[in-house]
Amino acid sequence: MVDWDIKLRIGETTSRMQWLVDDYVWDLNEDLVDRAVAAARDATLADSNRAAEIRQQYDDSRSPEVGVGTTVCGDEVSHGAATAAQVDALCESYGVDGFVTTEMEDAGTVTALERFGLLDQYMSIRAAANFDREPAGGDPAESIQQDVFDLGIENAIRVGKAVVDDLTA
């Protein structure tokens, strides 16, 4: 988990603030994440014609799948290739190789859990419901409108249930 809000932005350059004592990157408990991924892989994920149409615009032939990767948390909604490049640059400045999702909640959650020594019990289940940038030759103002949030919610529930069932078995 990388905190997007704690950064230095000068013009088109985005990097970590070198004078901060803490890195704003949190690694989650790998054993817990591995167990959750193993349980989630048994979940049947939903798909839709609308989602397939959107993926086709991005030349993305994948069906919904369970994966693991870095999420970037920030208080601003961002969309577009230019901003995504800045997010990549910030991740690189922390030594993190790219990101998979963006969201707005986890930095506060992991900060509080870390403060109370409970970070090792935390995982974040995210369902991608849209792309964070426009397709090649596309307009970011148009592509931000293309989402399948209902499908994302459905898949988050399916994966979350599989993980909870495994952890409570």
N, C-alpha and C. Protein backbone atom coordinates (compact mmCIF):
# COMPACT_ATOMS: atom_id res chain seq x y z
N MET A 1 0.85 -1.16 0.00
CA MET A 1 0.00 0.00 0.00
C MET A 1 0.90 1.22 0.00
N VAL A 2 0.67 2.15 -0.93
CA VAL A 2 1.45 3.38 -1.04
C VAL A 2 0.51 4.57 -0.83
N ASP A 3 0.93 5.53 -0.01
CA ASP A 3 0.15 6.74 0.21
C ASP A 3 0.52 7.78 -0.84
N TRP A 4 -0.42 8.11 -1.71
CA TRP A 4 -0.23 9.07 -2.79
C TRP A 4 -0.21 10.50 -2.27
N ASP A 5 -0.82 10.76 -1.13
CA ASP A 5 -0.95 12.14 -0.66
C ASP A 5 0.34 12.71 -0.08
N ILE A 6 1.22 11.86 0.41
CA ILE A 6 2.47 12.34 0.99
C ILE A 6 3.53 12.30 -0.11
N LYS A 7 3.63 13.40 -0.86
CA LYS A 7 4.55 13.42 -1.99
C LYS A 7 5.00 14.84 -2.26
N LEU A 8 6.02 14.94 -3.06
CA LEU A 8 6.53 16.22 -3.55
C LEU A 8 6.19 16.29 -5.03
N ARG A 9 5.49 17.32 -5.43
CA ARG A 9 5.14 17.49 -6.84
C ARG A 9 5.69 18.84 -7.30
N ILE A 10 6.62 18.79 -8.23
CA ILE A 10 7.17 20.01 -8.83
C ILE A 10 6.96 19.88 -10.33
N GLY A 11 6.07 20.70 -10.87
CA GLY A 11 5.75 20.60 -12.29
C GLY A 11 5.21 19.21 -12.59
N GLU A 12 5.82 18.54 -13.54
CA GLU A 12 5.39 17.19 -13.91
C GLU A 12 6.15 16.11 -13.14
N THR A 13 7.00 16.50 -12.20
CA THR A 13 7.79 15.55 -11.43
C THR A 13 7.07 15.23 -10.12
N THR A 14 6.95 13.95 -9.83
CA THR A 14 6.35 13.50 -8.58
C THR A 14 7.31 12.53 -7.92
N SER A 15 7.64 12.78 -6.66
CA SER A 15 8.55 11.89 -5.94
C SER A 15 8.26 11.99 -4.45
N ARG A 16 8.91 11.11 -3.70
CA ARG A 16 8.74 11.15 -2.25
C ARG A 16 9.47 12.37 -1.69
N MET A 17 9.00 12.84 -0.56
CA MET A 17 9.65 13.98 0.10
C MET A 17 10.84 13.44 0.88
N GLN A 18 12.02 13.76 0.44
CA GLN A 18 13.24 13.18 1.01
C GLN A 18 13.44 13.53 2.48
N TRP A 19 12.82 14.59 2.95
CA TRP A 19 13.05 15.01 4.32
C TRP A 19 12.12 14.32 5.32
N LEU A 20 11.21 13.49 4.84
CA LEU A 20 10.34 12.76 5.75
C LEU A 20 11.08 11.58 6.35
N VAL A 21 10.85 11.32 7.61
CA VAL A 21 11.50 10.21 8.29
C VAL A 21 10.91 8.89 7.82
N ASP A 22 9.60 8.84 7.69
CA ASP A 22 8.91 7.59 7.35
C ASP A 22 8.69 7.47 5.86
N ASP A 23 8.78 6.26 5.37
CA ASP A 23 8.29 5.97 4.03
C ASP A 23 6.81 5.70 4.17
N TYR A 24 6.04 6.14 3.24
CA TYR A 24 4.60 5.95 3.31
C TYR A 24 4.20 4.78 2.42
N VAL A 25 4.82 3.65 2.75
CA VAL A 25 4.58 2.38 2.08
C VAL A 25 4.41 1.33 3.17
N TRP A 26 3.38 0.52 3.04
CA TRP A 26 3.13 -0.54 4.02
C TRP A 26 3.10 -1.88 3.29
N ASP A 27 3.83 -2.84 3.83
CA ASP A 27 3.78 -4.21 3.33
C ASP A 27 2.84 -4.98 4.22
N LEU A 28 1.93 -5.71 3.61
CA LEU A 28 0.98 -6.48 4.38
C LEU A 28 1.55 -7.87 4.68
N ASN A 29 0.94 -8.55 5.62
CA ASN A 29 1.35 -9.88 6.05
C ASN A 29 1.26 -10.85 4.86
N GLU A 30 2.42 -11.29 4.36
CA GLU A 30 2.45 -12.13 3.16
C GLU A 30 1.73 -13.46 3.37
N ASP A 31 1.85 -14.06 4.53
CA ASP A 31 1.17 -15.33 4.79
C ASP A 31 -0.34 -15.16 4.72
N LEU A 32 -0.85 -14.07 5.32
CA LEU A 32 -2.28 -13.81 5.30
C LEU A 32 -2.75 -13.53 3.87
N VAL A 33 -1.98 -12.74 3.14
CA VAL A 33 -2.35 -12.44 1.75
C VAL A 33 -2.33 -13.71 0.91
N ASP A 34 -1.31 -14.55 1.07
CA ASP A 34 -1.23 -15.81 0.31
C ASP A 34 -2.42 -16.70 0.61
N ARG A 35 -2.80 -16.79 1.88
CA ARG A 35 -3.96 -17.61 2.25
C ARG A 35 -5.24 -17.05 1.62
N ALA A 36 -5.39 -15.74 1.66
CA ALA A 36 -6.58 -15.11 1.08
C ALA A 36 -6.64 -15.34 -0.43
N VAL A 37 -5.50 -15.21 -1.09
CA VAL A 37 -5.46 -15.42 -2.54
C VAL A 37 -5.82 -16.87 -2.88
N ALA A 38 -5.30 -17.82 -2.12
CA ALA A 38 -5.62 -19.23 -2.37
C ALA A 38 -7.12 -19.46 -2.22
N ALA A 39 -7.74 -18.88 -1.21
CA ALA A 39 -9.18 -19.03 -1.01
C ALA A 39 -9.96 -18.31 -2.11
N ALA A 40 -9.50 -17.15 -2.49
CA ALA A 40 -10.21 -16.34 -3.48
C ALA A 40 -10.18 -16.96 -4.86
N ARG A 41 -9.14 -17.71 -5.16
CA ARG A 41 -9.03 -18.34 -6.49
C ARG A 41 -10.16 -19.33 -6.75
N ASP A 42 -10.81 -19.80 -5.68
CA ASP A 42 -11.95 -20.72 -5.84
C ASP A 42 -13.26 -19.98 -6.10
N ALA A 43 -13.26 -18.67 -5.93
CA ALA A 43 -14.49 -17.89 -6.16
C ALA A 43 -14.76 -17.80 -7.66
N THR A 44 -16.02 -17.96 -8.02
CA THR A 44 -16.44 -17.77 -9.42
C THR A 44 -16.74 -16.29 -9.61
N LEU A 45 -15.98 -15.64 -10.46
CA LEU A 45 -16.16 -14.20 -10.68
C LEU A 45 -17.17 -13.95 -11.78
N ALA A 46 -17.95 -12.90 -11.61
CA ALA A 46 -18.95 -12.51 -12.59
C ALA A 46 -18.29 -11.67 -13.69
N ASP A 47 -18.89 -11.68 -14.85
CA ASP A 47 -18.46 -10.84 -15.97
C ASP A 47 -19.72 -10.30 -16.63
N SER A 48 -19.56 -9.39 -17.54
CA SER A 48 -20.73 -8.85 -18.24
C SER A 48 -20.33 -8.40 -19.63
N ASN A 49 -21.32 -8.27 -20.48
CA ASN A 49 -21.07 -7.76 -21.83
C ASN A 49 -20.51 -6.35 -21.78
N ARG A 50 -21.01 -5.53 -20.87
CA ARG A 50 -20.53 -4.15 -20.73
C ARG A 50 -19.05 -4.13 -20.36
N ALA A 51 -18.66 -4.97 -19.42
CA ALA A 51 -17.24 -5.04 -19.03
C ALA A 51 -16.38 -5.49 -20.21
N ALA A 52 -16.87 -6.46 -20.97
CA ALA A 52 -16.13 -6.94 -22.14
C ALA A 52 -15.98 -5.83 -23.18
N GLU A 53 -17.03 -5.01 -23.37
CA GLU A 53 -16.96 -3.89 -24.31
C GLU A 53 -15.90 -2.88 -23.88
N ILE A 54 -15.86 -2.58 -22.59
CA ILE A 54 -14.87 -1.62 -22.09
C ILE A 54 -13.47 -2.20 -22.25
N ARG A 55 -13.27 -3.46 -21.88
CA ARG A 55 -11.94 -4.08 -22.03
C ARG A 55 -11.49 -4.08 -23.48
N GLN A 56 -12.43 -4.28 -24.40
CA GLN A 56 -12.09 -4.30 -25.83
C GLN A 56 -11.50 -2.96 -26.26
N GLN A 57 -11.98 -1.85 -25.73
CA GLN A 57 -11.44 -0.53 -26.05
C GLN A 57 -9.98 -0.42 -25.65
N TYR A 58 -9.58 -1.19 -24.65
CA TYR A 58 -8.22 -1.16 -24.13
C TYR A 58 -7.37 -2.31 -24.69
N ASP A 59 -7.91 -3.03 -25.67
CA ASP A 59 -7.22 -4.21 -26.20
C ASP A 59 -6.84 -5.16 -25.07
N ASP A 60 -7.74 -5.33 -24.13
CA ASP A 60 -7.52 -6.17 -22.96
C ASP A 60 -8.47 -7.36 -23.07
N SER A 61 -7.95 -8.52 -23.34
CA SER A 61 -8.78 -9.69 -23.56
C SER A 61 -8.99 -10.52 -22.29
N ARG A 62 -8.45 -10.06 -21.16
CA ARG A 62 -8.59 -10.83 -19.92
C ARG A 62 -10.03 -10.83 -19.42
N SER A 63 -10.39 -11.91 -18.76
CA SER A 63 -11.64 -11.99 -18.02
C SER A 63 -11.32 -11.61 -16.58
N PRO A 64 -12.34 -11.33 -15.76
CA PRO A 64 -12.07 -11.03 -14.35
C PRO A 64 -11.25 -12.14 -13.72
N GLU A 65 -10.28 -11.75 -12.89
CA GLU A 65 -9.38 -12.70 -12.25
C GLU A 65 -8.94 -12.16 -10.90
N VAL A 66 -8.48 -13.04 -10.05
CA VAL A 66 -7.94 -12.66 -8.75
C VAL A 66 -6.45 -12.42 -8.92
N GLY A 67 -5.96 -11.31 -8.40
CA GLY A 67 -4.55 -11.00 -8.48
C GLY A 67 -4.09 -10.28 -7.22
N VAL A 68 -2.82 -10.02 -7.15
CA VAL A 68 -2.23 -9.33 -6.00
C VAL A 68 -1.32 -8.24 -6.52
N GLY A 69 -1.32 -7.11 -5.85
CA GLY A 69 -0.41 -6.05 -6.25
C GLY A 69 -0.55 -4.84 -5.36
N THR A 70 0.26 -3.87 -5.64
CA THR A 70 0.28 -2.63 -4.86
C THR A 70 -0.95 -1.80 -5.17
N THR A 71 -1.54 -1.24 -4.12
CA THR A 71 -2.62 -0.28 -4.28
C THR A 71 -2.10 1.08 -3.82
N VAL A 72 -2.50 2.12 -4.51
CA VAL A 72 -2.10 3.48 -4.18
C VAL A 72 -3.32 4.20 -3.64
N CYS A 73 -3.16 4.79 -2.46
CA CYS A 73 -4.26 5.44 -1.77
C CYS A 73 -4.07 6.95 -1.81
N GLY A 74 -5.13 7.68 -2.15
CA GLY A 74 -5.05 9.13 -2.15
C GLY A 74 -6.39 9.78 -1.93
N ASP A 75 -6.36 11.03 -1.52
CA ASP A 75 -7.60 11.77 -1.26
C ASP A 75 -8.17 12.43 -2.50
N GLU A 76 -7.49 12.29 -3.64
CA GLU A 76 -8.01 12.87 -4.86
C GLU A 76 -8.32 11.76 -5.86
N VAL A 77 -9.39 11.95 -6.61
CA VAL A 77 -9.70 11.04 -7.69
C VAL A 77 -8.86 11.47 -8.87
N SER A 78 -8.15 10.53 -9.47
CA SER A 78 -7.33 10.87 -10.62
C SER A 78 -7.63 9.89 -11.74
N HIS A 79 -7.47 10.36 -12.96
CA HIS A 79 -7.71 9.52 -14.13
C HIS A 79 -6.91 10.07 -15.29
N GLY A 80 -6.29 9.20 -16.02
CA GLY A 80 -5.56 9.60 -17.21
C GLY A 80 -4.11 9.14 -17.20
N ALA A 81 -3.57 9.01 -18.38
CA ALA A 81 -2.20 8.50 -18.54
C ALA A 81 -1.17 9.41 -17.87
N ALA A 82 -1.36 10.73 -17.92
CA ALA A 82 -0.39 11.65 -17.33
C ALA A 82 -0.32 11.46 -15.82
N THR A 83 -1.46 11.36 -15.17
CA THR A 83 -1.47 11.16 -13.72
C THR A 83 -0.95 9.77 -13.37
N ALA A 84 -1.31 8.77 -14.14
CA ALA A 84 -0.83 7.41 -13.89
C ALA A 84 0.70 7.37 -13.96
N ALA A 85 1.29 8.13 -14.87
CA ALA A 85 2.75 8.18 -14.96
C ALA A 85 3.34 8.80 -13.69
N GLN A 86 2.67 9.80 -13.11
CA GLN A 86 3.14 10.39 -11.87
C GLN A 86 3.00 9.41 -10.70
N VAL A 87 1.93 8.63 -10.69
CA VAL A 87 1.76 7.62 -9.65
C VAL A 87 2.88 6.58 -9.78
N ASP A 88 3.17 6.15 -11.01
CA ASP A 88 4.27 5.21 -11.23
C ASP A 88 5.59 5.79 -10.73
N ALA A 89 5.83 7.08 -11.00
CA ALA A 89 7.08 7.73 -10.56
C ALA A 89 7.17 7.75 -9.04
N LEU A 90 6.07 8.03 -8.37
CA LEU A 90 6.09 8.03 -6.90
C LEU A 90 6.39 6.62 -6.38
N CYS A 91 5.72 5.63 -6.95
CA CYS A 91 5.98 4.25 -6.54
C CYS A 91 7.45 3.91 -6.74
N GLU A 92 8.00 4.27 -7.88
CA GLU A 92 9.41 3.99 -8.17
C GLU A 92 10.33 4.68 -7.16
N SER A 93 9.97 5.90 -6.74
CA SER A 93 10.82 6.60 -5.76
C SER A 93 10.85 5.87 -4.42
N TYR A 94 9.82 5.07 -4.13
CA TYR A 94 9.78 4.26 -2.92
C TYR A 94 10.36 2.86 -3.14
N GLY A 95 10.77 2.56 -4.37
CA GLY A 95 11.28 1.24 -4.67
C GLY A 95 10.18 0.22 -4.92
N VAL A 96 8.99 0.69 -5.23
CA VAL A 96 7.85 -0.17 -5.51
C VAL A 96 7.68 -0.26 -7.02
N ASP A 97 7.58 -1.47 -7.53
CA ASP A 97 7.50 -1.69 -8.97
C ASP A 97 6.05 -1.62 -9.45
N GLY A 98 5.58 -0.41 -9.71
CA GLY A 98 4.24 -0.23 -10.26
C GLY A 98 3.12 -0.40 -9.26
N PHE A 99 1.89 -0.22 -9.76
CA PHE A 99 0.71 -0.36 -8.93
C PHE A 99 -0.38 -1.06 -9.72
N VAL A 100 -1.33 -1.64 -9.00
CA VAL A 100 -2.40 -2.40 -9.63
C VAL A 100 -3.74 -1.68 -9.51
N THR A 101 -3.99 -1.09 -8.34
CA THR A 101 -5.26 -0.37 -8.13
C THR A 101 -5.00 0.95 -7.43
N THR A 102 -5.98 1.83 -7.52
CA THR A 102 -5.97 3.08 -6.76
C THR A 102 -7.27 3.14 -5.97
N GLU A 103 -7.22 3.81 -4.84
CA GLU A 103 -8.40 3.92 -3.97
C GLU A 103 -8.20 5.06 -2.99
N MET A 104 -9.13 5.23 -2.05
CA MET A 104 -9.09 6.41 -1.18
C MET A 104 -9.15 6.09 0.32
N GLU A 105 -9.15 4.82 0.72
CA GLU A 105 -9.40 4.52 2.13
C GLU A 105 -8.22 3.96 2.91
N ASP A 106 -7.37 3.19 2.28
CA ASP A 106 -6.45 2.34 3.02
C ASP A 106 -5.36 3.05 3.81
N ALA A 107 -4.92 4.21 3.42
CA ALA A 107 -3.83 4.86 4.16
C ALA A 107 -4.23 5.13 5.61
N GLY A 108 -5.43 5.61 5.82
CA GLY A 108 -5.90 5.84 7.18
C GLY A 108 -6.04 4.55 7.96
N THR A 109 -6.55 3.54 7.31
CA THR A 109 -6.74 2.24 7.97
C THR A 109 -5.41 1.65 8.39
N VAL A 110 -4.44 1.59 7.45
CA VAL A 110 -3.15 0.97 7.80
C VAL A 110 -2.38 1.79 8.82
N THR A 111 -2.52 3.11 8.78
CA THR A 111 -1.85 3.96 9.76
C THR A 111 -2.37 3.65 11.16
N ALA A 112 -3.69 3.56 11.31
CA ALA A 112 -4.28 3.27 12.62
C ALA A 112 -3.92 1.86 13.09
N LEU A 113 -4.02 0.88 12.20
CA LEU A 113 -3.70 -0.50 12.58
C LEU A 113 -2.23 -0.64 12.96
N GLU A 114 -1.35 0.02 12.22
CA GLU A 114 0.08 -0.02 12.55
C GLU A 114 0.34 0.60 13.92
N ARG A 115 -0.33 1.70 14.20
CA ARG A 115 -0.16 2.39 15.49
C ARG A 115 -0.53 1.48 16.66
N PHE A 116 -1.52 0.58 16.46
CA PHE A 116 -1.96 -0.31 17.53
C PHE A 116 -1.39 -1.73 17.40
N GLY A 117 -0.39 -1.90 16.51
CA GLY A 117 0.28 -3.19 16.37
C GLY A 117 -0.58 -4.26 15.72
N LEU A 118 -1.53 -3.87 14.90
CA LEU A 118 -2.45 -4.83 14.30
C LEU A 118 -2.34 -4.93 12.78
N LEU A 119 -1.34 -4.30 12.20
CA LEU A 119 -1.23 -4.28 10.75
C LEU A 119 -1.08 -5.69 10.16
N ASP A 120 -0.49 -6.60 10.93
CA ASP A 120 -0.28 -7.97 10.43
C ASP A 120 -1.59 -8.73 10.25
N GLN A 121 -2.70 -8.19 10.73
CA GLN A 121 -4.01 -8.84 10.60
C GLN A 121 -4.86 -8.24 9.49
N TYR A 122 -4.28 -7.36 8.69
CA TYR A 122 -5.04 -6.60 7.70
C TYR A 122 -4.74 -7.04 6.28
N MET A 123 -5.79 -7.07 5.47
CA MET A 123 -5.63 -7.21 4.03
C MET A 123 -6.70 -6.33 3.39
N SER A 124 -6.47 -5.96 2.16
CA SER A 124 -7.41 -5.12 1.43
C SER A 124 -7.86 -5.88 0.20
N ILE A 125 -9.17 -6.11 0.10
CA ILE A 125 -9.73 -6.76 -1.08
C ILE A 125 -10.34 -5.67 -1.95
N ARG A 126 -9.85 -5.56 -3.15
CA ARG A 126 -10.29 -4.53 -4.09
C ARG A 126 -10.86 -5.18 -5.32
N ALA A 127 -11.88 -4.60 -5.87
CA ALA A 127 -12.45 -5.07 -7.13
C ALA A 127 -12.31 -3.95 -8.15
N ALA A 128 -11.58 -4.22 -9.20
CA ALA A 128 -11.41 -3.21 -10.25
C ALA A 128 -12.70 -3.10 -11.04
N ALA A 129 -13.20 -1.88 -11.15
CA ALA A 129 -14.46 -1.64 -11.84
C ALA A 129 -14.29 -0.67 -13.01
N ASN A 130 -13.07 -0.19 -13.20
CA ASN A 130 -12.78 0.72 -14.31
C ASN A 130 -11.27 0.78 -14.51
N PHE A 131 -10.86 1.46 -15.56
CA PHE A 131 -9.44 1.67 -15.81
C PHE A 131 -9.05 3.04 -15.26
N ASP A 132 -7.78 3.23 -14.93
CA ASP A 132 -7.33 4.50 -14.35
C ASP A 132 -6.81 5.47 -15.39
N ARG A 133 -6.88 5.08 -16.66
CA ARG A 133 -6.42 5.97 -17.74
C ARG A 133 -7.23 5.69 -18.99
N GLU A 134 -7.11 6.57 -19.92
CA GLU A 134 -7.85 6.44 -21.17
C GLU A 134 -7.19 5.39 -22.07
N PRO A 135 -7.98 4.77 -22.99
CA PRO A 135 -7.37 3.85 -23.95
C PRO A 135 -6.51 4.64 -24.94
N ALA A 136 -5.65 3.96 -25.66
CA ALA A 136 -4.79 4.61 -26.66
C ALA A 136 -5.65 5.46 -27.59
N GLY A 137 -5.27 6.72 -27.71
CA GLY A 137 -6.01 7.64 -28.57
C GLY A 137 -7.32 8.14 -27.99
N GLY A 138 -7.63 7.74 -26.77
CA GLY A 138 -8.90 8.11 -26.15
C GLY A 138 -8.81 9.41 -25.36
N ASP A 139 -9.94 9.86 -24.89
CA ASP A 139 -10.07 11.10 -24.13
C ASP A 139 -10.30 10.74 -22.66
N PRO A 140 -9.44 11.21 -21.75
CA PRO A 140 -9.63 10.88 -20.33
C PRO A 140 -10.98 11.33 -19.80
N ALA A 141 -11.48 12.47 -20.26
CA ALA A 141 -12.77 12.98 -19.77
C ALA A 141 -13.91 12.03 -20.15
N GLU A 142 -13.76 11.33 -21.26
CA GLU A 142 -14.78 10.35 -21.67
C GLU A 142 -14.57 9.01 -20.98
N SER A 143 -13.32 8.56 -20.90
CA SER A 143 -13.08 7.22 -20.38
C SER A 143 -13.35 7.11 -18.88
N ILE A 144 -13.26 8.21 -18.15
CA ILE A 144 -13.54 8.14 -16.71
C ILE A 144 -15.01 7.80 -16.45
N GLN A 145 -15.85 8.02 -17.46
CA GLN A 145 -17.28 7.73 -17.32
C GLN A 145 -17.60 6.25 -17.53
N GLN A 146 -16.62 5.48 -18.01
CA GLN A 146 -16.87 4.07 -18.34
C GLN A 146 -16.48 3.18 -17.17
N ASP A 147 -17.47 2.65 -16.52
CA ASP A 147 -17.21 1.78 -15.38
C ASP A 147 -18.25 0.68 -15.31
N VAL A 148 -17.97 -0.30 -14.50
CA VAL A 148 -18.90 -1.39 -14.20
C VAL A 148 -18.88 -1.61 -12.68
N PHE A 149 -19.28 -0.57 -11.94
CA PHE A 149 -19.21 -0.64 -10.48
C PHE A 149 -20.06 -1.75 -9.90
N ASP A 150 -21.25 -2.00 -10.47
CA ASP A 150 -22.09 -3.08 -9.96
C ASP A 150 -21.38 -4.43 -10.07
N LEU A 151 -20.68 -4.64 -11.18
CA LEU A 151 -19.92 -5.87 -11.37
C LEU A 151 -18.77 -5.94 -10.36
N GLY A 152 -18.10 -4.82 -10.14
CA GLY A 152 -17.02 -4.78 -9.16
C GLY A 152 -17.51 -5.12 -7.76
N ILE A 153 -18.66 -4.58 -7.39
CA ILE A 153 -19.24 -4.88 -6.08
C ILE A 153 -19.57 -6.37 -5.97
N GLU A 154 -20.19 -6.90 -7.02
CA GLU A 154 -20.53 -8.33 -7.02
C GLU A 154 -19.29 -9.19 -6.83
N ASN A 155 -18.22 -8.88 -7.54
CA ASN A 155 -17.00 -9.69 -7.43
C ASN A 155 -16.30 -9.49 -6.09
N ALA A 156 -16.35 -8.29 -5.54
CA ALA A 156 -15.76 -8.06 -4.21
C ALA A 156 -16.50 -8.90 -3.16
N ILE A 157 -17.80 -9.00 -3.28
CA ILE A 157 -18.58 -9.82 -2.36
C ILE A 157 -18.22 -11.29 -2.52
N ARG A 158 -18.12 -11.75 -3.76
CA ARG A 158 -17.78 -13.16 -4.00
C ARG A 158 -16.40 -13.50 -3.44
N VAL A 159 -15.43 -12.66 -3.70
CA VAL A 159 -14.07 -12.91 -3.20
C VAL A 159 -14.03 -12.77 -1.69
N GLY A 160 -14.64 -11.71 -1.17
CA GLY A 160 -14.66 -11.50 0.28
C GLY A 160 -15.28 -12.67 1.01
N LYS A 161 -16.39 -13.20 0.48
CA LYS A 161 -17.04 -14.35 1.12
C LYS A 161 -16.12 -15.57 1.11
N ALA A 162 -15.45 -15.83 -0.01
CA ALA A 162 -14.53 -16.97 -0.08
C ALA A 162 -13.40 -16.83 0.94
N VAL A 163 -12.87 -15.63 1.09
CA VAL A 163 -11.79 -15.40 2.04
C VAL A 163 -12.29 -15.55 3.48
N VAL A 164 -13.40 -14.93 3.79
CA VAL A 164 -13.95 -15.03 5.16
C VAL A 164 -14.30 -16.47 5.49
N ASP A 165 -14.91 -17.20 4.55
CA ASP A 165 -15.23 -18.60 4.79
C ASP A 165 -13.97 -19.40 5.12
N ASP A 166 -12.89 -19.15 4.39
CA ASP A 166 -11.63 -19.85 4.64
C ASP A 166 -11.04 -19.48 6.00
N LEU A 167 -11.03 -18.20 6.31
CA LEU A 167 -10.41 -17.74 7.56
C LEU A 167 -11.19 -18.16 8.80
N THR A 168 -12.49 -18.40 8.65
CA THR A 168 -13.31 -18.77 9.80
C THR A 168 -13.59 -20.28 9.87
N ALA A 169 -13.09 -21.02 8.88
CA ALA A 169 -13.34 -22.48 8.85
C ALA A 169 -12.59 -23.17 9.99
